[in-house]
């Protein structure tokens, strides 16, 4: 076997990256994204794109995403290969660290071809030191799904003070069903986990004044709802209920409020996600007319 060359992409080599055969069964292509166009927008600078070659042929590739101008990558979301060992070596060699987000179709386990593609990528990532954290639903609402009626049980108020929002994050993180929250709390503590989520929400390119806190008619805090945008779509950025008000279906009320707000801001589609294991939140999305369009497997 010829020697393997693992290196970052050089400027102007985007066609080399896309030369690897890809059936598009899993990964970023499922979202309809074009790597070359995204690279031109600055989302994949050459130093965050790596390839492995044998005899000048690409046998593995990986690209770490962030929005244009960010210093650090947010996620590894292109990872494809024809050579398993080369793929493992690529991930071990590249000096980049971020979660691996693998996009799959719904019910991917039921299609043998898709399941094989998922299994190979997960196995290669695990061999390189990653571990599976969680599988998530990805939802996409459009007007054809119908605008859910507001339940009218809660009052929603803007909160301009970040310290108040931070305190609410601390409260909703207690007993959270979200795997990323649990991991952050376990590894860094409640305060740091709350700050991390606040920082992520402020990083997203949407107006800060869209955020709302939810209260009962008696003035008790129920939770927070943070409609937002990512680089591509309007999103339900965050929905969470404080522990003392869980079990009453309030996550649905918050989700409906976010949907109405985003539509009011001009959204003709809304993207959202939750862990497969977060059954109450998944049921709220289904009730509100959010169909599952993809799954995502996150490896830390």
Protein backbone atom coordinates (compact mmCIF):
# COMPACT_ATOMS: atom_id res chain seq x y z
CA UNK A 1 0.00 0.00 0.00
CA UNK A 2 1.33 3.43 -0.92
CA UNK A 3 2.15 6.00 1.72
CA UNK A 4 -0.73 8.06 3.04
CA UNK A 5 -0.52 11.85 2.84
CA UNK A 6 -2.73 13.73 5.35
CA UNK A 7 -2.80 17.51 5.02
CA UNK A 8 -5.05 20.57 5.08
CA UNK A 9 -6.62 21.75 1.87
CA UNK A 10 -4.89 24.57 0.07
CA UNK A 11 -6.74 27.60 -1.28
CA UNK A 12 -8.30 26.82 -4.63
CA UNK A 13 -8.42 23.05 -4.04
CA UNK A 14 -12.16 22.83 -3.37
CA UNK A 15 -12.60 20.55 -6.40
CA UNK A 16 -10.10 18.14 -4.86
CA UNK A 17 -12.23 17.93 -1.72
CA UNK A 18 -15.37 17.20 -3.76
CA UNK A 19 -13.60 14.59 -5.88
CA UNK A 20 -14.26 11.90 -3.26
CA UNK A 21 -17.22 9.71 -4.31
CA UNK A 22 -20.25 10.46 -2.14
CA UNK A 23 -23.66 8.85 -2.65
CA UNK A 24 -25.26 11.47 -0.42
CA UNK A 25 -27.00 8.93 1.80
CA UNK A 26 -25.80 10.60 5.00
CA UNK A 27 -23.94 13.72 6.03
CA UNK A 28 -24.13 17.36 5.09
CA UNK A 29 -25.43 16.66 1.59
CA UNK A 30 -28.78 15.64 3.11
CA UNK A 31 -29.31 19.30 4.00
CA UNK A 32 -28.89 20.31 0.35
CA UNK A 33 -25.68 22.20 1.05
CA UNK A 34 -22.91 22.77 -1.46
CA UNK A 35 -19.40 22.59 -0.02
CA UNK A 36 -17.81 24.84 -2.65
CA UNK A 37 -20.36 27.60 -2.11
CA UNK A 38 -20.07 27.34 1.68
CA UNK A 39 -16.28 27.52 1.43
CA UNK A 40 -16.56 30.64 -0.72
CA UNK A 41 -18.64 32.24 2.03
CA UNK A 42 -15.85 31.62 4.52
CA UNK A 43 -17.55 28.80 6.44
CA UNK A 44 -14.79 26.30 5.61
CA UNK A 45 -11.42 28.10 5.43
CA UNK A 46 -8.66 25.83 4.06
CA UNK A 47 -7.00 25.32 7.46
CA UNK A 48 -10.22 23.69 8.73
CA UNK A 49 -10.53 21.33 5.74
CA UNK A 50 -8.36 18.21 5.69
CA UNK A 51 -7.84 15.46 3.15
CA UNK A 52 -6.04 12.12 3.07
CA UNK A 53 -4.51 11.03 -0.24
CA UNK A 54 -2.97 7.90 -1.71
CA UNK A 55 -1.28 8.37 -5.11
CA UNK A 56 -2.80 11.87 -5.24
CA UNK A 57 -6.32 10.45 -4.93
CA UNK A 58 -8.52 11.63 -2.05
CA UNK A 59 -9.48 8.62 0.08
CA UNK A 60 -10.80 10.52 3.13
CA UNK A 61 -11.95 14.05 3.83
CA UNK A 62 -13.13 16.11 6.79
CA UNK A 63 -14.30 19.69 7.20
CA UNK A 64 -14.99 21.60 10.41
CA UNK A 65 -17.72 24.24 10.17
CA UNK A 66 -18.10 27.68 11.72
CA UNK A 67 -19.77 30.81 10.48
CA UNK A 68 -17.55 33.18 8.57
CA UNK A 69 -15.21 35.08 10.87
CA UNK A 70 -15.29 32.65 13.80
CA UNK A 71 -11.89 31.68 15.16
CA UNK A 72 -12.78 28.17 16.33
CA UNK A 73 -14.77 25.42 14.59
CA UNK A 74 -18.26 24.63 15.85
CA UNK A 75 -18.71 21.15 14.39
CA UNK A 76 -17.14 18.50 12.21
CA UNK A 77 -19.92 17.97 9.68
CA UNK A 78 -18.24 16.64 6.52
CA UNK A 79 -16.53 13.29 7.10
CA UNK A 80 -16.42 10.81 4.24
CA UNK A 81 -13.98 8.18 3.05
CA UNK A 82 -13.27 5.21 0.82
CA UNK A 83 -10.38 4.04 3.05
CA UNK A 84 -11.29 3.33 6.69
CA UNK A 85 -7.74 3.44 8.06
CA UNK A 86 -7.04 6.70 6.24
CA UNK A 87 -10.16 8.23 7.74
CA UNK A 88 -9.07 7.31 11.26
CA UNK A 89 -5.58 8.68 10.63
CA UNK A 90 -7.01 11.92 9.24
CA UNK A 91 -9.07 12.58 12.37
CA UNK A 92 -6.11 11.75 14.60
CA UNK A 93 -3.76 14.00 12.62
CA UNK A 94 -5.88 17.11 12.11
CA UNK A 95 -5.35 19.53 15.05
CA UNK A 96 -9.03 20.45 15.24
CA UNK A 97 -11.51 19.54 17.96
CA UNK A 98 -15.26 19.92 17.79
CA UNK A 99 -18.25 17.62 18.00
CA UNK A 100 -18.89 15.40 15.00
CA UNK A 101 -22.46 16.00 13.77
CA UNK A 102 -23.60 13.25 11.43
CA UNK A 103 -26.86 13.95 9.60
CA UNK A 104 -29.03 10.97 8.68
CA UNK A 105 -32.51 10.40 7.23
CA UNK A 106 -35.34 9.56 9.64
CA UNK A 107 -35.53 5.84 10.47
CA UNK A 108 -32.01 5.42 9.08
CA UNK A 109 -31.68 2.05 10.80
CA UNK A 110 -34.35 0.57 8.50
CA UNK A 111 -32.33 1.10 5.30
CA UNK A 112 -29.37 -1.30 5.15
CA UNK A 113 -27.34 0.95 2.84
CA UNK A 114 -27.84 4.00 5.02
CA UNK A 115 -27.23 2.05 8.22
CA UNK A 116 -23.95 0.78 6.79
CA UNK A 117 -22.84 4.31 5.92
CA UNK A 118 -23.71 5.50 9.43
CA UNK A 119 -21.97 2.55 11.05
CA UNK A 120 -18.73 3.03 9.13
CA UNK A 121 -18.50 6.72 10.00
CA UNK A 122 -19.34 6.21 13.66
CA UNK A 123 -16.84 3.38 13.92
CA UNK A 124 -14.07 5.43 12.30
CA UNK A 125 -14.78 8.41 14.55
CA UNK A 126 -14.77 6.20 17.65
CA UNK A 127 -11.49 4.63 16.57
CA UNK A 128 -10.06 8.16 16.41
CA UNK A 129 -11.21 8.99 19.95
CA UNK A 130 -14.76 10.27 19.57
CA UNK A 131 -17.66 8.79 21.53
CA UNK A 132 -21.36 8.84 20.77
CA UNK A 133 -23.16 11.43 22.86
CA UNK A 134 -26.73 11.55 21.57
CA UNK A 135 -29.06 11.16 18.62
CA UNK A 136 -31.34 14.08 17.87
CA UNK A 137 -34.47 14.79 15.85
CA UNK A 138 -34.32 17.62 13.33
CA UNK A 139 -37.71 19.25 12.66
CA UNK A 140 -38.79 21.66 9.95
CA UNK A 141 -42.06 23.59 10.16
CA UNK A 142 -43.63 25.30 7.13
CA UNK A 143 -46.96 27.13 6.80
CA UNK A 144 -48.46 24.03 5.15
CA UNK A 145 -48.22 22.34 8.56
CA UNK A 146 -50.57 24.93 10.03
CA UNK A 147 -49.96 27.59 12.66
CA UNK A 148 -50.86 26.10 16.06
CA UNK A 149 -53.30 28.03 18.21
CA UNK A 150 -51.86 29.69 21.30
CA UNK A 151 -53.04 27.94 24.49
CA UNK A 152 -53.23 31.28 26.31
CA UNK A 153 -52.09 29.93 29.67
CA UNK A 154 -48.93 32.02 30.01
CA UNK A 155 -47.72 35.59 29.77
CA UNK A 156 -44.53 36.33 27.82
CA UNK A 157 -42.25 39.23 28.66
CA UNK A 158 -38.97 40.47 27.19
CA UNK A 159 -35.96 40.38 29.51
CA UNK A 160 -33.05 42.63 28.47
CA UNK A 161 -30.82 41.74 31.43
CA UNK A 162 -28.40 38.93 30.56
CA UNK A 163 -27.82 38.18 34.23
CA UNK A 164 -31.52 37.34 34.64
CA UNK A 165 -31.43 35.08 31.57
CA UNK A 166 -28.30 33.42 32.94
CA UNK A 167 -30.05 32.70 36.22
CA UNK A 168 -32.98 31.12 34.35
CA UNK A 169 -30.55 28.95 32.40
CA UNK A 170 -29.17 27.71 35.71
CA UNK A 171 -32.65 26.83 36.90
CA UNK A 172 -33.77 25.00 33.74
CA UNK A 173 -30.50 23.05 33.55
CA UNK A 174 -31.35 21.26 36.81
CA UNK A 175 -32.75 17.86 35.84
CA UNK A 176 -32.55 18.64 32.11
CA UNK A 177 -33.17 15.79 29.66
CA UNK A 178 -30.78 17.35 27.13
CA UNK A 179 -27.58 15.32 26.72
CA UNK A 180 -25.42 18.34 25.87
CA UNK A 181 -26.62 20.17 28.97
CA UNK A 182 -26.00 17.14 31.19
CA UNK A 183 -22.51 16.70 29.74
CA UNK A 184 -21.64 20.39 30.26
CA UNK A 185 -22.93 20.37 33.85
CA UNK A 186 -21.07 17.15 34.65
CA UNK A 187 -17.78 18.34 33.17
CA UNK A 188 -17.79 22.05 34.04
CA UNK A 189 -20.50 22.71 36.63
CA UNK A 190 -23.89 24.38 36.51
CA UNK A 191 -22.64 27.97 36.27
CA UNK A 192 -20.31 27.26 33.35
CA UNK A 193 -22.95 25.20 31.53
CA UNK A 194 -25.47 28.03 31.82
CA UNK A 195 -22.91 30.57 30.61
CA UNK A 196 -22.08 28.35 27.64
CA UNK A 197 -25.71 28.24 26.51
CA UNK A 198 -26.11 31.99 26.97
CA UNK A 199 -22.98 32.56 24.88
CA UNK A 200 -24.27 30.27 22.14
CA UNK A 201 -27.57 32.10 21.96
CA UNK A 202 -25.83 35.48 21.80
CA UNK A 203 -23.53 34.11 19.06
CA UNK A 204 -26.50 33.35 16.82
CA UNK A 205 -27.25 36.07 14.23
CA UNK A 206 -30.68 37.15 15.47
CA UNK A 207 -31.91 40.13 17.48
CA UNK A 208 -31.47 39.73 21.23
CA UNK A 209 -34.86 41.34 21.86
CA UNK A 210 -36.69 38.34 20.41
CA UNK A 211 -36.07 36.46 23.67
CA UNK A 212 -38.94 36.01 26.17
CA UNK A 213 -39.51 34.70 29.67
CA UNK A 214 -42.80 32.94 30.38
CA UNK A 215 -44.90 33.46 33.51
CA UNK A 216 -48.14 32.10 34.95
CA UNK A 217 -51.05 34.49 35.38
CA UNK A 218 -49.98 34.69 39.03
CA UNK A 219 -46.52 35.88 38.04
CA UNK A 220 -44.51 32.70 38.65
CA UNK A 221 -41.66 32.06 36.25
CA UNK A 222 -42.35 29.03 34.04
CA UNK A 223 -39.39 29.10 31.67
CA UNK A 224 -37.77 30.77 28.72
CA UNK A 225 -38.33 30.74 24.97
CA UNK A 226 -35.62 32.07 22.67
CA UNK A 227 -36.65 32.19 19.01
CA UNK A 228 -33.65 32.94 16.85
CA UNK A 229 -31.86 32.38 13.56
CA UNK A 230 -28.82 30.39 12.58
CA UNK A 231 -26.77 31.15 9.47
CA UNK A 232 -29.37 29.52 7.23
CA UNK A 233 -32.81 29.42 8.83
CA UNK A 234 -35.15 30.78 11.50
CA UNK A 235 -34.87 28.41 14.47
CA UNK A 236 -36.45 27.58 17.79
CA UNK A 237 -33.24 28.44 19.59
CA UNK A 238 -34.20 27.38 23.10
CA UNK A 239 -37.30 26.21 24.95
CA UNK A 240 -37.08 25.12 28.60
CA UNK A 241 -39.26 24.91 31.69
CA UNK A 242 -38.08 25.36 35.29
CA UNK A 243 -38.27 22.16 37.40
CA UNK A 244 -41.18 23.23 39.60
CA UNK A 245 -43.47 23.72 36.58
CA UNK A 246 -42.61 20.59 34.63
CA UNK A 247 -45.27 17.99 33.93
CA UNK A 248 -47.96 20.47 32.86
CA UNK A 249 -47.20 20.56 29.13
CA UNK A 250 -45.82 24.09 29.21
CA UNK A 251 -43.06 23.23 26.70
CA UNK A 252 -45.83 23.16 24.08
CA UNK A 253 -46.99 26.66 25.07
CA UNK A 254 -43.43 27.96 24.75
CA UNK A 255 -42.94 26.28 21.38
CA UNK A 256 -46.17 27.70 20.02
CA UNK A 257 -45.16 31.18 21.18
CA UNK A 258 -41.80 30.84 19.41
CA UNK A 259 -43.55 29.68 16.23
CA UNK A 260 -45.93 32.65 16.22
CA UNK A 261 -43.10 35.07 16.94
CA UNK A 262 -40.89 33.76 14.14
CA UNK A 263 -43.77 33.84 11.66
CA UNK A 264 -44.41 37.40 12.78
CA UNK A 265 -40.78 38.20 12.00
CA UNK A 266 -41.30 36.89 8.46
CA UNK A 267 -40.25 33.23 8.71
CA UNK A 268 -41.61 30.95 5.98
CA UNK A 269 -39.89 27.94 7.58
CA UNK A 270 -38.62 27.11 11.07
CA UNK A 271 -35.97 24.55 11.97
CA UNK A 272 -35.65 22.98 15.41
CA UNK A 273 -34.21 19.97 17.18
CA UNK A 274 -34.34 17.91 20.35
CA UNK A 275 -32.79 14.71 21.68
CA UNK A 276 -34.51 11.47 20.70
CA UNK A 277 -34.63 10.65 24.40
CA UNK A 278 -36.39 13.90 25.31
CA UNK A 279 -39.85 12.43 24.87
CA UNK A 280 -41.88 15.36 26.30
CA UNK A 281 -40.22 17.87 23.97
CA UNK A 282 -40.52 15.56 20.96
CA UNK A 283 -44.25 15.17 21.67
CA UNK A 284 -44.60 18.97 21.88
CA UNK A 285 -43.01 19.37 18.44
CA UNK A 286 -45.31 16.73 16.96
CA UNK A 287 -48.38 18.37 18.49
CA UNK A 288 -47.34 21.77 17.14
CA UNK A 289 -47.03 20.46 13.58
CA UNK A 290 -43.27 20.04 13.31
CA UNK A 291 -42.46 16.92 11.24
CA UNK A 292 -39.15 15.11 11.64
CA UNK A 293 -37.07 15.70 8.51
CA UNK A 294 -33.70 14.29 9.59
CA UNK A 295 -31.85 12.78 12.53
CA UNK A 296 -28.44 13.90 13.77
CA UNK A 297 -25.94 11.79 15.65
CA UNK A 298 -23.53 13.81 17.78
CA UNK A 299 -20.16 12.38 18.80
CA UNK A 300 -18.06 14.27 21.32
